Amino acid sequence: MNENETRIGTVKFWHDQKGYSFIIDDETKKEYYTYRKNLAEGVTRLTGNIEEGIIEKVTFELKDHSGKDRKQIHAINVKPIN
């Protein structure tokens, strides 16, 4: 995993009340968790929802948030591109 590499993905859904989302990496098809504070500057929410047919493409980077007992990679600097 290269933490500085900009990736392209699709928003699986955005939970506005709780301020989190899952991003599906277009290349690897892996899902990455993100939350409101990890959105790019000036971005306050995402609008994508695959189940509802609302496709939203984003760019993002990866950040390792693993702890002692868990491995967790989050999407950060998430920014819509469409």
Protein backbone atom coordinates (compact mmCIF):
# COMPACT_ATOMS: atom_id res chain seq x y z
CA MET A 1 0.00 0.00 0.00
CA ASN A 2 1.35 3.37 -1.00
CA GLU A 3 -0.16 5.97 1.34
CA ASN A 4 0.69 8.92 -0.93
CA GLU A 5 -0.78 7.47 -4.12
CA THR A 6 -3.98 9.09 -5.38
CA ARG A 7 -6.57 6.45 -6.23
CA ILE A 8 -9.95 6.58 -7.98
CA GLY A 9 -13.03 4.96 -6.54
CA THR A 10 -16.80 4.91 -6.32
CA VAL A 11 -18.87 5.94 -3.29
CA LYS A 12 -20.81 2.89 -2.09
CA PHE A 13 -23.09 5.09 0.04
CA TRP A 14 -22.91 8.14 2.31
CA HIS A 15 -24.59 8.08 5.72
CA ASP A 16 -25.26 11.79 6.22
CA GLN A 17 -26.45 11.65 9.85
CA LYS A 18 -23.40 9.71 11.02
CA GLY A 19 -21.00 11.28 8.51
CA TYR A 20 -19.33 8.18 7.10
CA SER A 21 -19.02 6.30 3.84
CA PHE A 22 -17.39 3.37 2.13
CA ILE A 23 -15.35 3.93 -1.02
CA ILE A 24 -14.80 1.07 -3.49
CA ASP A 25 -11.38 1.26 -5.12
CA ASP A 26 -11.94 1.05 -8.90
CA GLU A 27 -8.69 -0.87 -9.46
CA THR A 28 -8.62 -3.36 -6.57
CA LYS A 29 -12.37 -3.47 -5.76
CA LYS A 30 -11.49 -3.24 -2.05
CA GLU A 31 -13.73 -1.17 0.20
CA TYR A 32 -12.30 1.56 2.40
CA TYR A 33 -14.05 3.34 5.25
CA THR A 34 -14.01 7.12 5.46
CA TYR A 35 -15.71 9.73 7.58
CA ARG A 36 -16.48 13.41 7.35
CA LYS A 37 -13.15 14.65 8.75
CA ASN A 38 -11.31 12.69 6.02
CA LEU A 39 -13.00 14.54 3.16
CA ALA A 40 -10.88 17.00 1.19
CA GLU A 41 -10.89 20.64 2.25
CA GLY A 42 -14.17 22.29 1.25
CA VAL A 43 -16.04 18.98 0.83
CA THR A 44 -18.74 18.52 3.48
CA ARG A 45 -20.51 15.39 2.24
CA LEU A 46 -20.70 12.82 -0.54
CA THR A 47 -23.82 12.00 -2.54
CA GLY A 48 -23.19 8.59 -4.09
CA ASN A 49 -25.33 5.53 -3.42
CA ILE A 50 -24.79 2.51 -5.68
CA GLU A 51 -28.02 0.78 -4.59
CA GLU A 52 -30.01 3.85 -5.64
CA GLY A 53 -28.12 4.17 -8.94
CA ILE A 54 -26.33 7.38 -7.89
CA ILE A 55 -22.76 6.88 -9.09
CA GLU A 56 -20.22 9.28 -7.61
CA LYS A 57 -16.54 8.98 -8.53
CA VAL A 58 -13.93 10.26 -6.12
CA THR A 59 -10.19 10.53 -5.75
CA PHE A 60 -8.66 9.49 -2.44
CA GLU A 61 -5.51 8.42 -0.66
CA LEU A 62 -5.03 5.61 1.85
CA LYS A 63 -3.99 5.94 5.48
CA ASP A 64 -3.10 3.08 7.82
CA HIS A 65 -5.11 3.42 11.03
CA SER A 66 -4.24 -0.04 12.32
CA GLY A 67 -4.07 -0.54 16.02
CA LYS A 68 -2.63 -3.24 18.24
CA ASP A 69 -5.54 -5.63 17.68
CA ARG A 70 -6.87 -4.60 14.28
CA LYS A 71 -5.81 -3.77 10.74
CA GLN A 72 -7.67 -0.80 9.34
CA ILE A 73 -6.96 1.23 6.22
CA HIS A 74 -9.06 4.39 5.73
CA ALA A 75 -9.69 6.54 2.67
CA ILE A 76 -8.53 10.12 3.29
CA ASN A 77 -8.51 13.36 1.30
CA VAL A 78 -11.67 12.17 -0.48
CA LYS A 79 -12.76 14.50 -3.27
CA PRO A 80 -15.58 14.12 -5.86
CA ILE A 81 -14.44 14.16 -9.50
CA ASN A 82 -17.77 14.09 -11.38
